[in-house]
Amino acid sequence: MIVVTGAAGFIGSYFTGKLNRSGFRNLILVDRYDDSAKDRNLLTKEYAQLIDREDFIPWFEKNSHQVEIVFHLGARTDTVGQEPESYQELNLRYSQKVWSVCTRYGIPLVYASSAATYGNGEWGFSDSHQKIDRLKPLNLYAWSKHDFDRWVLGQKKTPGFWAGLKFFNVYGPNEYHKGRMASVVMQAFQTIRETGEMQLFRSHRDDVKDGEQKRDFVYVDDIAEVMLFFMQNRNCSGIYNVGTGKARSYLDLTKAVFDSLHQNPEIHFVDTPHDLRNRYQYFTEADIQKLREVGYYQAFTELEDGVHDYVSNYLLTTACF
C-alpha cells in the first residue's frame, strides 16, 4: 500500500490522481475529512481506505508491514497565521511521528518541505545540507518546515530511504479551496473573469520594478512527476529543491493568464500590505543541480504552457484531476 497524507488537499489530491493514472489504486489517504470544501478533490479517486489524520499514527503502527512507501504532504500551509503552537504541532511534531514510524519499520518516506524556508534568499537557493542552518525563514509556516528539515538532518537513525522536497511556487488543478493561499494563477483567473483586470503588489524595493518580483513557478504535474521518480528511484536520500530552475515575474504570469483567456492585459499596482512587507519574498529560483545529479532529467513545464493548460483544461471546465 502507498500512504499519502494531506490527500484531500491541493498537491495531495493531484498526486493521488497521478498515482491512479499510473496504475496505483491500493492507496491509504490521510487527511482531516471535516472540510467539505475539499470533498470534491477525492470524488474521482480510487483508493483502499480514508483515514483521519488523528487516527493515522496508531493505524500506521499496526499496519506498517503493509506499507510500501509514505508520501507525507499534509501540513498547515497558511503563510500568514500567527499561532506558533499550531504550526509546531502539525508541521513539526506530527512529521516527527511519521518519520519515527518509518524509521522503526524501514519504510521509505518522501515529505514536503518548502522554498519558503529560504526566506529573503540572502544565502541563495542551494539545497546543500551544509547550508541549511544559515537560512532565516520569514513566517511561522516556513520556520516549522525549516525546523523539521534541520531535525531530520540531525537524526542518526533514518528510514531506509528518505527525501525532503522543497516545493517552490506550485500552481495547478485542485487548489480552489485554498482561498487567499491559492496560487496567483487562480486568483488572477477569478479576478480577470469578474472585473476584466488584475492588481499586483507594487514593489517596495528600489532595485525591483513593479511586477518584476520573481518566483520559481512550478506546475503541480511536475511536482507529481518528481514524486513518482523518487518512488521508483530510492538511491540517494536527502533534501531536494523541486522547481523549474527559472525565475519568472508576476507580470509574466499575469500576462499568461490574460492570454489564456484571450483578453488584452489590464494590470494595475497596489501597495503591499504593511503586515506582509517584511515577510515578502522578492525572488526565488530553485537550484536543481542535485535533483539532476540523481537522475531526474525530465524538462519542467514552461510557465506559459502550464498556465494555458491549467486555465483551458481545468479552470474553464471546473474539472478535478
C-alpha atoms as a PDB file:
ATOM      1  CA  MET A   1       0.000   0.000   0.000  1.00  0.00           C
ATOM      2  CA  ILE A   2       1.027   3.591  -0.641  1.00  0.00           C
ATOM      3  CA  VAL A   3       0.220   6.198   2.012  1.00  0.00           C
ATOM      4  CA  VAL A   4      -0.495   9.812   1.041  1.00  0.00           C
ATOM      5  CA  THR A   5      -1.071  12.314   3.840  1.00  0.00           C
ATOM      6  CA  GLY A   6      -2.765  15.611   3.067  1.00  0.00           C
ATOM      7  CA  ALA A   7      -4.551  13.589   0.397  1.00  0.00           C
ATOM      8  CA  ALA A   8      -7.616  15.825   0.113  1.00  0.00           C
ATOM      9  CA  GLY A   9      -5.542  18.973  -0.329  1.00  0.00           C
ATOM     10  CA  PHE A  10      -4.115  20.595  -3.431  1.00  0.00           C
ATOM     11  CA  ILE A  11      -0.897  18.679  -4.110  1.00  0.00           C
ATOM     12  CA  GLY A  12      -2.003  15.542  -2.268  1.00  0.00           C
ATOM     13  CA  SER A  13      -5.191  15.078  -4.285  1.00  0.00           C
ATOM     14  CA  TYR A  14      -3.483  15.802  -7.595  1.00  0.00           C
ATOM     15  CA  PHE A  15      -0.758  13.311  -6.739  1.00  0.00           C
ATOM     16  CA  THR A  16      -3.401  10.734  -5.782  1.00  0.00           C
ATOM     17  CA  GLY A  17      -4.940  11.176  -9.230  1.00  0.00           C
ATOM     18  CA  LYS A  18      -1.489  10.843 -10.786  1.00  0.00           C
ATOM     19  CA  LEU A  19      -0.955   7.576  -8.902  1.00  0.00           C
ATOM     20  CA  ASN A  20      -4.311   6.301 -10.154  1.00  0.00           C
ATOM     21  CA  ARG A  21      -3.429   7.204 -13.731  1.00  0.00           C
ATOM     22  CA  SER A  22      -0.132   5.360 -13.273  1.00  0.00           C
ATOM     23  CA  GLY A  23      -1.971   2.195 -12.208  1.00  0.00           C
ATOM     24  CA  PHE A  24      -1.811   2.514  -8.396  1.00  0.00           C
ATOM     25  CA  ARG A  25      -5.111   2.128  -6.528  1.00  0.00           C
ATOM     26  CA  ASN A  26      -4.174   0.441  -3.266  1.00  0.00           C
ATOM     27  CA  LEU A  27      -3.818   3.804  -1.557  1.00  0.00           C
ATOM     28  CA  ILE A  28      -4.277   4.899   2.049  1.00  0.00           C
ATOM     29  CA  LEU A  29      -5.397   8.535   2.033  1.00  0.00           C
ATOM     30  CA  VAL A  30      -4.853  10.511   5.218  1.00  0.00           C
ATOM     31  CA  ASP A  31      -6.344  13.933   5.964  1.00  0.00           C
ATOM     32  CA  ARG A  32      -8.856  15.743   8.124  1.00  0.00           C
ATOM     33  CA  TYR A  33     -12.153  14.908   6.481  1.00  0.00           C
ATOM     34  CA  ASP A  34     -14.131  17.679   8.132  1.00  0.00           C
ATOM     35  CA  ASP A  35     -13.627  20.283   5.387  1.00  0.00           C
ATOM     36  CA  SER A  36     -16.435  19.963   2.849  1.00  0.00           C
ATOM     37  CA  ALA A  37     -14.646  22.461   0.582  1.00  0.00           C
ATOM     38  CA  LYS A  38     -12.082  19.760  -0.252  1.00  0.00           C
ATOM     39  CA  ASP A  39     -14.504  16.856  -0.687  1.00  0.00           C
ATOM     40  CA  ARG A  40     -14.682  17.109  -4.475  1.00  0.00           C
ATOM     41  CA  ASN A  41     -10.912  16.604  -4.718  1.00  0.00           C
ATOM     42  CA  LEU A  42     -11.373  12.902  -3.970  1.00  0.00           C
ATOM     43  CA  LEU A  43     -14.642  12.235  -5.814  1.00  0.00           C
ATOM     44  CA  THR A  44     -12.948  10.712  -8.844  1.00  0.00           C
ATOM     45  CA  LYS A  45     -10.111   8.984  -6.977  1.00  0.00           C
ATOM     46  CA  GLU A  46      -9.676   5.254  -6.380  1.00  0.00           C
ATOM     47  CA  TYR A  47      -8.243   4.157  -3.042  1.00  0.00           C
ATOM     48  CA  ALA A  48      -8.331   1.427  -0.417  1.00  0.00           C
ATOM     49  CA  GLN A  49      -9.098   3.491   2.682  1.00  0.00           C
ATOM     50  CA  LEU A  50      -9.588   7.005   4.044  1.00  0.00           C
ATOM     51  CA  ILE A  51      -8.050   7.625   7.471  1.00  0.00           C
ATOM     52  CA  ASP A  52      -8.434  10.707   9.624  1.00  0.00           C
ATOM     53  CA  ARG A  53      -5.194  12.454  10.490  1.00  0.00           C
ATOM     54  CA  GLU A  54      -5.735  11.873  14.213  1.00  0.00           C
ATOM     55  CA  ASP A  55      -6.145   8.129  13.685  1.00  0.00           C
ATOM     56  CA  PHE A  56      -3.263   7.620  11.286  1.00  0.00           C
ATOM     57  CA  ILE A  57      -0.270   7.099  13.607  1.00  0.00           C
ATOM     58  CA  PRO A  58      -1.955   4.268  15.598  1.00  0.00           C
ATOM     59  CA  TRP A  59      -3.124   2.727  12.295  1.00  0.00           C
ATOM     60  CA  PHE A  60       0.393   3.032  10.880  1.00  0.00           C
ATOM     61  CA  GLU A  61       1.940   1.299  13.887  1.00  0.00           C
ATOM     62  CA  LYS A  62      -0.433  -1.650  13.447  1.00  0.00           C
ATOM     63  CA  ASN A  63      -0.264  -1.891   9.660  1.00  0.00           C
ATOM     64  CA  SER A  64       3.300  -0.870   8.862  1.00  0.00           C
ATOM     65  CA  HIS A  65       4.054  -4.281   7.322  1.00  0.00           C
ATOM     66  CA  GLN A  66       1.584  -3.497   4.538  1.00  0.00           C
ATOM     67  CA  VAL A  67       3.006  -0.064   3.653  1.00  0.00           C
ATOM     68  CA  GLU A  68       5.446   0.237   0.759  1.00  0.00           C
ATOM     69  CA  ILE A  69       6.132   3.997   0.940  1.00  0.00           C
ATOM     70  CA  VAL A  70       4.759   7.135   2.606  1.00  0.00           C
ATOM     71  CA  PHE A  71       4.259  10.488   0.905  1.00  0.00           C
ATOM     72  CA  HIS A  72       3.836  12.937   3.766  1.00  0.00           C
ATOM     73  CA  LEU A  73       2.254  16.010   2.176  1.00  0.00           C
ATOM     74  CA  GLY A  74      -0.108  17.053   4.959  1.00  0.00           C
ATOM     75  CA  ALA A  75       0.667  20.332   6.711  1.00  0.00           C
ATOM     76  CA  ARG A  76      -0.723  23.641   7.806  1.00  0.00           C
ATOM     77  CA  THR A  77       0.251  25.747   4.785  1.00  0.00           C
ATOM     78  CA  ASP A  78      -1.136  29.172   5.715  1.00  0.00           C
ATOM     79  CA  THR A  79       1.808  31.585   5.444  1.00  0.00           C
ATOM     80  CA  VAL A  80       0.175  34.411   7.402  1.00  0.00           C
ATOM     81  CA  GLY A  81      -1.033  32.550  10.511  1.00  0.00           C
ATOM     82  CA  GLN A  82       0.136  33.735  13.916  1.00  0.00           C
ATOM     83  CA  GLU A  83      -0.376  30.617  16.071  1.00  0.00           C
ATOM     84  CA  PRO A  84       3.098  29.117  16.593  1.00  0.00           C
ATOM     85  CA  GLU A  85       1.862  26.119  18.564  1.00  0.00           C
ATOM     86  CA  SER A  86      -0.407  25.023  15.707  1.00  0.00           C
ATOM     87  CA  TYR A  87       2.483  25.053  13.217  1.00  0.00           C
ATOM     88  CA  GLN A  88       4.775  23.229  15.625  1.00  0.00           C
ATOM     89  CA  GLU A  89       2.181  20.540  16.317  1.00  0.00           C
ATOM     90  CA  LEU A  90       1.057  19.924  12.731  1.00  0.00           C
ATOM     91  CA  ASN A  91       4.211  20.598  10.739  1.00  0.00           C
ATOM     92  CA  LEU A  92       6.956  19.561  13.142  1.00  0.00           C
ATOM     93  CA  ARG A  93       5.806  17.136  15.842  1.00  0.00           C
ATOM     94  CA  TYR A  94       3.359  15.233  13.632  1.00  0.00           C
ATOM     95  CA  SER A  95       6.037  14.911  10.947  1.00  0.00           C
ATOM     96  CA  GLN A  96       8.464  13.617  13.563  1.00  0.00           C
ATOM     97  CA  LYS A  97       5.964  10.896  14.476  1.00  0.00           C
ATOM     98  CA  VAL A  98       5.610   9.859  10.828  1.00  0.00           C
ATOM     99  CA  TRP A  99       9.408   9.816  10.456  1.00  0.00           C
ATOM    100  CA  SER A 100       9.828   7.725  13.606  1.00  0.00           C
ATOM    101  CA  VAL A 101       7.422   5.007  12.451  1.00  0.00           C
ATOM    102  CA  CYS A 102       9.023   4.926   9.006  1.00  0.00           C
ATOM    103  CA  THR A 103      12.445   4.599  10.647  1.00  0.00           C
ATOM    104  CA  ARG A 104      11.351   1.868  13.031  1.00  0.00           C
ATOM    105  CA  TYR A 105       9.962  -0.311  10.259  1.00  0.00           C
ATOM    106  CA  GLY A 106      12.296   0.657   7.400  1.00  0.00           C
ATOM    107  CA  ILE A 107       9.611   2.301   5.265  1.00  0.00           C
ATOM    108  CA  PRO A 108      10.697   4.843   2.598  1.00  0.00           C
ATOM    109  CA  LEU A 109       9.465   8.377   3.244  1.00  0.00           C
ATOM    110  CA  VAL A 110       9.052  11.318   0.895  1.00  0.00           C
ATOM    111  CA  TYR A 111       7.932  14.501   2.644  1.00  0.00           C
ATOM    112  CA  ALA A 112       7.037  18.024   1.582  1.00  0.00           C
ATOM    113  CA  SER A 113       9.293  20.851   2.654  1.00  0.00           C
ATOM    114  CA  SER A 114       9.053  24.328   1.126  1.00  0.00           C
ATOM    115  CA  ALA A 115      11.028  27.005  -0.681  1.00  0.00           C
ATOM    116  CA  ALA A 116       9.620  29.378   1.933  1.00  0.00           C
ATOM    117  CA  THR A 117      12.453  28.126   4.148  1.00  0.00           C
ATOM    118  CA  TYR A 118      14.881  30.224   2.060  1.00  0.00           C
ATOM    119  CA  GLY A 119      13.459  33.469   3.408  1.00  0.00           C
ATOM    120  CA  ASN A 120      14.786  36.508   1.554  1.00  0.00           C
ATOM    121  CA  GLY A 121      17.232  34.323  -0.335  1.00  0.00           C
ATOM    122  CA  GLU A 122      20.262  36.083   1.109  1.00  0.00           C
ATOM    123  CA  TRP A 123      22.027  32.690   1.294  1.00  0.00           C
ATOM    124  CA  GLY A 124      20.905  31.645  -2.147  1.00  0.00           C
ATOM    125  CA  PHE A 125      18.670  28.720  -3.054  1.00  0.00           C
ATOM    126  CA  SER A 126      21.011  25.774  -2.811  1.00  0.00           C
ATOM    127  CA  ASP A 127      19.646  22.581  -1.250  1.00  0.00           C
ATOM    128  CA  SER A 128      23.088  21.671   0.102  1.00  0.00           C
ATOM    129  CA  HIS A 129      22.698  20.173   3.569  1.00  0.00           C
ATOM    130  CA  GLN A 130      25.699  22.200   4.762  1.00  0.00           C
ATOM    131  CA  LYS A 131      23.908  25.485   4.070  1.00  0.00           C
ATOM    132  CA  ILE A 132      20.528  24.764   5.641  1.00  0.00           C
ATOM    133  CA  ASP A 133      21.410  26.043   9.126  1.00  0.00           C
ATOM    134  CA  ARG A 134      22.091  29.518   7.679  1.00  0.00           C
ATOM    135  CA  LEU A 135      18.561  30.023   6.350  1.00  0.00           C
ATOM    136  CA  LYS A 136      16.216  32.514   8.004  1.00  0.00           C
ATOM    137  CA  PRO A 137      12.552  31.955   7.073  1.00  0.00           C
ATOM    138  CA  LEU A 138      10.103  34.855   7.136  1.00  0.00           C
ATOM    139  CA  ASN A 139       6.959  33.318   8.651  1.00  0.00           C
ATOM    140  CA  LEU A 140       5.784  30.643  11.064  1.00  0.00           C
ATOM    141  CA  TYR A 141       4.869  28.198   8.330  1.00  0.00           C
ATOM    142  CA  ALA A 142       8.338  28.430   6.814  1.00  0.00           C
ATOM    143  CA  TRP A 143      10.013  28.127  10.215  1.00  0.00           C
ATOM    144  CA  SER A 144       8.069  24.952  11.008  1.00  0.00           C
ATOM    145  CA  LYS A 145       9.183  23.386   7.721  1.00  0.00           C
ATOM    146  CA  HIS A 146      12.749  24.553   8.321  1.00  0.00           C
ATOM    147  CA  ASP A 147      12.725  23.142  11.849  1.00  0.00           C
ATOM    148  CA  PHE A 148      11.735  19.728  10.538  1.00  0.00           C
ATOM    149  CA  ASP A 149      14.420  19.784   7.829  1.00  0.00           C
ATOM    150  CA  ARG A 150      17.050  20.582  10.434  1.00  0.00           C
ATOM    151  CA  TRP A 151      15.711  17.917  12.797  1.00  0.00           C
ATOM    152  CA  VAL A 152      15.829  15.319  10.013  1.00  0.00           C
ATOM    153  CA  LEU A 153      19.447  16.134   9.203  1.00  0.00           C
ATOM    154  CA  GLY A 154      20.345  15.606  12.849  1.00  0.00           C
ATOM    155  CA  GLN A 155      18.915  12.084  13.059  1.00  0.00           C
ATOM    156  CA  LYS A 156      21.296   9.146  13.294  1.00  0.00           C
ATOM    157  CA  LYS A 157      18.504   6.651  12.650  1.00  0.00           C
ATOM    158  CA  THR A 158      16.591   7.139   9.418  1.00  0.00           C
ATOM    159  CA  PRO A 159      14.223   5.293   7.105  1.00  0.00           C
ATOM    160  CA  GLY A 160      15.982   3.116   4.531  1.00  0.00           C
ATOM    161  CA  PHE A 161      15.323   5.908   2.045  1.00  0.00           C
ATOM    162  CA  TRP A 162      14.010   9.406   2.590  1.00  0.00           C
ATOM    163  CA  ALA A 163      13.619  12.572   0.534  1.00  0.00           C
ATOM    164  CA  GLY A 164      12.548  16.024   1.680  1.00  0.00           C
ATOM    165  CA  LEU A 165      11.247  18.018  -1.272  1.00  0.00           C
ATOM    166  CA  LYS A 166      11.427  21.807  -1.162  1.00  0.00           C
ATOM    167  CA  PHE A 167       8.496  22.774  -3.356  1.00  0.00           C
ATOM    168  CA  PHE A 168       8.729  26.209  -4.923  1.00  0.00           C
ATOM    169  CA  ASN A 169       5.626  28.189  -6.009  1.00  0.00           C
ATOM    170  CA  VAL A 170       3.206  25.466  -7.067  1.00  0.00           C
ATOM    171  CA  TYR A 171       0.100  26.147  -9.155  1.00  0.00           C
ATOM    172  CA  GLY A 172      -2.430  23.913 -10.846  1.00  0.00           C
ATOM    173  CA  PRO A 173      -5.650  21.879 -10.508  1.00  0.00           C
ATOM    174  CA  ASN A 174      -7.396  21.143  -7.196  1.00  0.00           C
ATOM    175  CA  GLU A 175      -6.408  24.319  -5.306  1.00  0.00           C
ATOM    176  CA  TYR A 176      -9.831  26.003  -5.499  1.00  0.00           C
ATOM    177  CA  HIS A 177     -10.445  25.510  -1.752  1.00  0.00           C
ATOM    178  CA  LYS A 178      -7.317  27.420  -0.660  1.00  0.00           C
ATOM    179  CA  GLY A 179      -8.828  30.918  -0.696  1.00  0.00           C
ATOM    180  CA  ARG A 180      -6.199  33.621  -0.224  1.00  0.00           C
ATOM    181  CA  MET A 181      -3.492  30.939  -0.176  1.00  0.00           C
ATOM    182  CA  ALA A 182      -4.334  29.830  -3.736  1.00  0.00           C
ATOM    183  CA  SER A 183      -1.762  30.478  -6.442  1.00  0.00           C
ATOM    184  CA  VAL A 184      -1.637  33.810  -8.243  1.00  0.00           C
ATOM    185  CA  VAL A 185      -2.722  31.951 -11.392  1.00  0.00           C
ATOM    186  CA  MET A 186      -6.050  31.011  -9.842  1.00  0.00           C
ATOM    187  CA  GLN A 187      -6.512  34.389  -8.174  1.00  0.00           C
ATOM    188  CA  ALA A 188      -5.762  36.164 -11.456  1.00  0.00           C
ATOM    189  CA  PHE A 189      -8.177  33.917 -13.346  1.00  0.00           C
ATOM    190  CA  GLN A 190     -11.008  34.653 -10.907  1.00  0.00           C
ATOM    191  CA  THR A 191     -10.319  38.395 -10.766  1.00  0.00           C
ATOM    192  CA  ILE A 192      -9.953  38.838 -14.528  1.00  0.00           C
ATOM    193  CA  ARG A 193     -13.155  36.924 -15.177  1.00  0.00           C
ATOM    194  CA  GLU A 194     -15.019  39.114 -12.685  1.00  0.00           C
ATOM    195  CA  THR A 195     -13.501  42.527 -13.399  1.00  0.00           C
ATOM    196  CA  GLY A 196     -11.508  42.314 -16.626  1.00  0.00           C
ATOM    197  CA  GLU A 197      -8.355  43.487 -14.846  1.00  0.00           C
ATOM    198  CA  MET A 198      -5.760  42.349 -12.298  1.00  0.00           C
ATOM    199  CA  GLN A 199      -3.997  44.057  -9.410  1.00  0.00           C
ATOM    200  CA  LEU A 200      -0.447  43.137  -8.430  1.00  0.00           C
ATOM    201  CA  PHE A 201       1.621  44.262  -5.470  1.00  0.00           C
ATOM    202  CA  ARG A 202       3.779  47.306  -6.119  1.00  0.00           C
ATOM    203  CA  SER A 203       7.482  46.820  -5.475  1.00  0.00           C
ATOM    204  CA  HIS A 204       8.834  48.458  -2.322  1.00  0.00           C
ATOM    205  CA  ARG A 205      12.466  47.999  -3.305  1.00  0.00           C
ATOM    206  CA  ASP A 206      14.365  50.443  -5.479  1.00  0.00           C
ATOM    207  CA  ASP A 207      16.142  47.656  -7.355  1.00  0.00           C
ATOM    208  CA  VAL A 208      12.934  45.861  -8.406  1.00  0.00           C
ATOM    209  CA  LYS A 209      10.327  47.341 -10.756  1.00  0.00           C
ATOM    210  CA  ASP A 210       6.610  46.944 -10.135  1.00  0.00           C
ATOM    211  CA  GLY A 211       5.514  43.491 -11.232  1.00  0.00           C
ATOM    212  CA  GLU A 212       9.086  42.291 -11.642  1.00  0.00           C
ATOM    213  CA  GLN A 213       9.092  40.414  -8.362  1.00  0.00           C
ATOM    214  CA  LYS A 214      10.093  36.921  -9.459  1.00  0.00           C
ATOM    215  CA  ARG A 215       9.317  33.429  -8.261  1.00  0.00           C
ATOM    216  CA  ASP A 216      10.033  29.937  -9.466  1.00  0.00           C
ATOM    217  CA  PHE A 217       6.505  28.957 -10.526  1.00  0.00           C
ATOM    218  CA  VAL A 218       6.201  25.179 -10.926  1.00  0.00           C
ATOM    219  CA  TYR A 219       3.225  23.271 -12.338  1.00  0.00           C
ATOM    220  CA  VAL A 220       1.727  20.689  -9.980  1.00  0.00           C
ATOM    221  CA  ASP A 221       2.065  17.946 -12.602  1.00  0.00           C
ATOM    222  CA  ASP A 222       5.844  18.434 -12.477  1.00  0.00           C
ATOM    223  CA  ILE A 223       5.723  18.073  -8.692  1.00  0.00           C
ATOM    224  CA  ALA A 224       3.838  14.797  -9.109  1.00  0.00           C
ATOM    225  CA  GLU A 225       6.359  13.545 -11.674  1.00  0.00           C
ATOM    226  CA  VAL A 226       9.237  14.184  -9.284  1.00  0.00           C
ATOM    227  CA  MET A 227       7.473  12.274  -6.511  1.00  0.00           C
ATOM    228  CA  LEU A 228       6.859   9.329  -8.849  1.00  0.00           C
ATOM    229  CA  PHE A 229      10.560   9.443  -9.710  1.00  0.00           C
ATOM    230  CA  PHE A 230      11.550   9.107  -6.060  1.00  0.00           C
ATOM    231  CA  MET A 231       9.084   6.266  -5.594  1.00  0.00           C
ATOM    232  CA  GLN A 232      10.899   4.358  -8.318  1.00  0.00           C
ATOM    233  CA  ASN A 233      14.460   5.597  -7.626  1.00  0.00           C
ATOM    234  CA  ARG A 234      15.355   5.250  -3.961  1.00  0.00           C
ATOM    235  CA  ASN A 235      19.079   5.614  -4.305  1.00  0.00           C
ATOM    236  CA  CYS A 236      20.178   8.805  -2.600  1.00  0.00           C
ATOM    237  CA  SER A 237      18.431  10.165   0.488  1.00  0.00           C
ATOM    238  CA  GLY A 238      18.434  13.901   1.090  1.00  0.00           C
ATOM    239  CA  ILE A 239      16.717  17.242   0.751  1.00  0.00           C
ATOM    240  CA  TYR A 240      15.991  18.346  -2.811  1.00  0.00           C
ATOM    241  CA  ASN A 241      14.703  21.517  -4.427  1.00  0.00           C
ATOM    242  CA  VAL A 242      11.729  20.969  -6.730  1.00  0.00           C
ATOM    243  CA  GLY A 243      11.217  23.914  -9.048  1.00  0.00           C
ATOM    244  CA  THR A 244      11.856  24.754 -12.675  1.00  0.00           C
ATOM    245  CA  GLY A 245      15.202  26.420 -12.024  1.00  0.00           C
ATOM    246  CA  LYS A 246      13.948  29.520 -13.842  1.00  0.00           C
ATOM    247  CA  ALA A 247      12.504  32.545 -12.006  1.00  0.00           C
ATOM    248  CA  ARG A 248       9.674  34.356 -13.798  1.00  0.00           C
ATOM    249  CA  SER A 249       7.956  37.627 -12.940  1.00  0.00           C
ATOM    250  CA  TYR A 250       4.429  38.161 -11.703  1.00  0.00           C
ATOM    251  CA  LEU A 251       3.901  40.246 -14.829  1.00  0.00           C
ATOM    252  CA  ASP A 252       4.842  37.246 -16.984  1.00  0.00           C
ATOM    253  CA  LEU A 253       2.434  35.040 -15.088  1.00  0.00           C
ATOM    254  CA  THR A 254      -0.448  37.515 -15.188  1.00  0.00           C
ATOM    255  CA  LYS A 255       0.004  38.181 -18.890  1.00  0.00           C
ATOM    256  CA  ALA A 256      -0.097  34.417 -19.478  1.00  0.00           C
ATOM    257  CA  VAL A 257      -3.475  34.239 -17.731  1.00  0.00           C
ATOM    258  CA  PHE A 258      -4.839  37.109 -19.843  1.00  0.00           C
ATOM    259  CA  ASP A 259      -3.525  35.389 -22.966  1.00  0.00           C
ATOM    260  CA  SER A 260      -5.159  32.084 -21.979  1.00  0.00           C
ATOM    261  CA  LEU A 261      -8.454  33.960 -21.651  1.00  0.00           C
ATOM    262  CA  HIS A 262      -7.871  35.726 -24.995  1.00  0.00           C
ATOM    263  CA  GLN A 263      -8.001  39.140 -23.321  1.00  0.00           C
ATOM    264  CA  ASN A 264      -5.706  42.147 -23.520  1.00  0.00           C
ATOM    265  CA  PRO A 265      -3.743  42.697 -20.286  1.00  0.00           C
ATOM    266  CA  GLU A 266      -5.166  45.306 -17.903  1.00  0.00           C
ATOM    267  CA  ILE A 267      -2.821  45.344 -14.914  1.00  0.00           C
ATOM    268  CA  HIS A 268      -2.681  47.825 -12.023  1.00  0.00           C
ATOM    269  CA  PHE A 269      -0.421  48.005  -8.984  1.00  0.00           C
ATOM    270  CA  VAL A 270      -1.361  48.406  -5.313  1.00  0.00           C
ATOM    271  CA  ASP A 271       0.781  48.784  -2.199  1.00  0.00           C
ATOM    272  CA  THR A 272       1.823  45.582  -0.477  1.00  0.00           C
ATOM    273  CA  PRO A 273       0.052  45.464   2.928  1.00  0.00           C
ATOM    274  CA  HIS A 274       2.351  46.651   5.690  1.00  0.00           C
ATOM    275  CA  ASP A 275       1.954  43.403   7.648  1.00  0.00           C
ATOM    276  CA  LEU A 276       3.331  41.438   4.672  1.00  0.00           C
ATOM    277  CA  ARG A 277       6.211  43.646   3.568  1.00  0.00           C
ATOM    278  CA  ASN A 278       8.784  42.214   5.954  1.00  0.00           C
ATOM    279  CA  ARG A 279       7.735  38.656   5.059  1.00  0.00           C
ATOM    280  CA  TYR A 280       7.546  39.044   1.291  1.00  0.00           C
ATOM    281  CA  GLN A 281       9.941  37.120  -0.959  1.00  0.00           C
ATOM    282  CA  TYR A 282      11.038  39.202  -3.955  1.00  0.00           C
ATOM    283  CA  PHE A 283      12.927  36.403  -5.696  1.00  0.00           C
ATOM    284  CA  THR A 284      13.037  32.619  -5.615  1.00  0.00           C
ATOM    285  CA  GLU A 285      14.751  30.276  -8.051  1.00  0.00           C
ATOM    286  CA  ALA A 286      15.409  26.622  -7.404  1.00  0.00           C
ATOM    287  CA  ASP A 287      18.928  25.315  -7.776  1.00  0.00           C
ATOM    288  CA  ILE A 288      18.024  21.879  -9.182  1.00  0.00           C
ATOM    289  CA  GLN A 289      21.529  20.576  -9.833  1.00  0.00           C
ATOM    290  CA  LYS A 290      21.239  17.946  -7.091  1.00  0.00           C
ATOM    291  CA  LEU A 291      17.918  16.715  -8.496  1.00  0.00           C
ATOM    292  CA  ARG A 292      19.524  16.361 -11.922  1.00  0.00           C
ATOM    293  CA  GLU A 293      22.538  14.568 -10.459  1.00  0.00           C
ATOM    294  CA  VAL A 294      20.358  11.778  -9.030  1.00  0.00           C
ATOM    295  CA  GLY A 295      18.842  11.152 -12.457  1.00  0.00           C
ATOM    296  CA  TYR A 296      15.758  13.326 -12.831  1.00  0.00           C
ATOM    297  CA  TYR A 297      16.202  14.596 -16.389  1.00  0.00           C
ATOM    298  CA  GLN A 298      12.647  15.483 -17.407  1.00  0.00           C
ATOM    299  CA  ALA A 299      12.040  19.030 -18.604  1.00  0.00           C
ATOM    300  CA  PHE A 300       9.841  21.223 -16.434  1.00  0.00           C
ATOM    301  CA  THR A 301       6.721  22.820 -17.885  1.00  0.00           C
ATOM    302  CA  GLU A 302       7.238  26.340 -19.212  1.00  0.00           C
ATOM    303  CA  LEU A 303       5.159  28.932 -17.368  1.00  0.00           C
ATOM    304  CA  GLU A 304       3.032  29.908 -20.372  1.00  0.00           C
ATOM    305  CA  ASP A 305       2.329  26.254 -21.205  1.00  0.00           C
ATOM    306  CA  GLY A 306       1.391  25.395 -17.634  1.00  0.00           C
ATOM    307  CA  VAL A 307      -0.873  28.409 -17.229  1.00  0.00           C
ATOM    308  CA  HIS A 308      -2.591  27.699 -20.543  1.00  0.00           C
ATOM    309  CA  ASP A 309      -3.184  24.055 -19.619  1.00  0.00           C
ATOM    310  CA  TYR A 310      -4.476  24.981 -16.155  1.00  0.00           C
ATOM    311  CA  VAL A 311      -6.811  27.706 -17.397  1.00  0.00           C
ATOM    312  CA  SER A 312      -8.075  25.907 -20.511  1.00  0.00           C
ATOM    313  CA  ASN A 313      -8.392  22.348 -19.241  1.00  0.00           C
ATOM    314  CA  TYR A 314      -9.290  22.923 -15.598  1.00  0.00           C
ATOM    315  CA  LEU A 315     -10.396  26.393 -14.533  1.00  0.00           C
ATOM    316  CA  LEU A 316     -12.683  26.894 -17.532  1.00  0.00           C
ATOM    317  CA  THR A 317     -14.141  23.403 -17.115  1.00  0.00           C
ATOM    318  CA  THR A 318     -14.078  23.080 -13.261  1.00  0.00           C
ATOM    319  CA  ALA A 319     -12.713  19.537 -13.605  1.00  0.00           C
ATOM    320  CA  CYS A 320     -10.765  17.757 -10.864  1.00  0.00           C
ATOM    321  CA  PHE A 321      -7.640  15.716 -11.541  1.00  0.00           C
END
